[in-house]
Protein backbone atom coordinates (compact mmCIF):
# COMPACT_ATOMS: atom_id res chain seq x y z
CA UNK A 1 111.90 -2.59 82.73
CA UNK A 2 112.53 -6.31 82.40
CA UNK A 3 110.06 -9.02 83.28
CA UNK A 4 111.03 -12.62 83.77
CA UNK A 5 108.32 -15.29 83.51
CA UNK A 6 108.64 -18.87 84.69
CA UNK A 7 106.07 -21.22 83.16
CA UNK A 8 106.39 -24.90 83.84
CA UNK A 9 110.11 -24.61 84.52
CA UNK A 10 110.80 -22.67 81.32
CA UNK A 11 112.04 -19.16 81.77
CA UNK A 12 111.21 -16.48 79.23
CA UNK A 13 112.36 -12.90 79.01
CA UNK A 14 115.63 -12.96 80.89
CA UNK A 15 117.86 -13.21 77.79
CA UNK A 16 115.76 -10.75 75.84
CA UNK A 17 116.13 -8.23 78.63
CA UNK A 18 119.91 -8.67 78.76
CA UNK A 19 120.20 -8.37 74.97
CA UNK A 20 118.11 -5.21 75.01
CA UNK A 21 120.24 -3.67 77.78
CA UNK A 22 123.43 -4.51 75.87
CA UNK A 23 122.04 -2.97 72.68
CA UNK A 24 121.20 0.25 74.54
CA UNK A 25 124.71 0.38 76.01
CA UNK A 26 126.26 -0.27 72.58
CA UNK A 27 124.20 2.51 70.97
CA UNK A 28 125.26 4.91 73.72
CA UNK A 29 128.94 3.96 73.31
CA UNK A 30 128.72 4.38 69.53
CA UNK A 31 127.15 7.82 69.83
CA UNK A 32 129.87 8.90 72.27
CA UNK A 33 132.59 7.57 69.94
CA UNK A 34 131.08 9.43 66.98
CA UNK A 35 130.93 12.63 69.01
CA UNK A 36 134.67 12.34 69.69
CA UNK A 37 135.39 12.15 65.94
CA UNK A 38 133.26 15.22 65.25
CA UNK A 39 135.51 17.54 67.28
CA UNK A 40 137.23 20.16 65.15
CA UNK A 41 140.76 19.36 64.07
CA UNK A 42 143.50 21.94 63.51
CA UNK A 43 143.88 23.03 59.90
CA UNK A 44 145.57 25.79 57.91
CA UNK A 45 143.23 28.44 59.35
CA UNK A 46 144.00 27.50 62.98
CA UNK A 47 146.07 29.74 65.20
CA UNK A 48 149.77 29.01 65.60
CA UNK A 49 149.34 28.02 69.24
CA UNK A 50 146.63 25.50 68.34
CA UNK A 51 148.81 23.89 65.67
CA UNK A 52 151.94 23.94 67.83
CA UNK A 53 154.02 26.53 66.00
CA UNK A 54 156.15 28.64 68.33
CA UNK A 55 155.97 32.40 68.08
CA UNK A 56 159.07 34.47 67.41
CA UNK A 57 158.94 35.81 70.97
CA UNK A 58 159.01 32.28 72.39
CA UNK A 59 161.94 31.29 70.16
CA UNK A 60 163.87 34.42 71.18
CA UNK A 61 163.29 33.55 74.84
CA UNK A 62 164.52 29.99 74.32
CA UNK A 63 167.59 30.77 72.22
CA UNK A 64 168.69 33.89 74.11
CA UNK A 65 171.82 35.47 72.65
CA UNK A 66 172.13 32.64 70.12
CA UNK A 67 168.93 33.71 68.31
CA UNK A 68 169.78 34.18 64.65
CA UNK A 69 173.34 32.92 65.17
CA UNK A 70 173.05 29.23 65.95
CA UNK A 71 170.63 26.32 65.78
CA UNK A 72 171.52 25.45 69.39
CA UNK A 73 169.84 27.24 72.30
CA UNK A 74 171.93 29.36 74.62
CA UNK A 75 173.23 27.49 77.62
CA UNK A 76 174.99 29.05 80.59
CA UNK A 77 178.70 28.40 80.92
CA UNK A 78 179.35 25.41 83.16
CA UNK A 79 181.26 26.34 86.28
CA UNK A 80 184.58 24.63 86.86
CA UNK A 81 184.33 21.77 89.36
CA UNK A 82 185.59 22.58 92.82
CA UNK A 83 188.30 20.29 94.22
CA UNK A 84 187.34 17.95 97.00
CA UNK A 85 188.68 18.93 100.39
CA UNK A 86 191.71 16.96 101.57
CA UNK A 87 191.87 14.53 98.72
CA UNK A 88 192.52 13.79 95.15
CA UNK A 89 190.05 14.92 92.51
């Protein structure tokens, strides 16, 4: 609670109150920032999904028939373009 006193035209307390409110807000922001840094980070004991390593099943799904044969995923054969009706291609 802030109290502002006016004595003989001089005000006292209004800047102290603002400084105190800012200090409380700064302490709260610092504690929230520290809490964000204390979250666990992935390390060598983390699961593959947490670290971002794909499982063999996922890689097989992505590469299809090219799994073990190529570094490029399987892509369907592109259909031949159909000619435009009544005109030149």
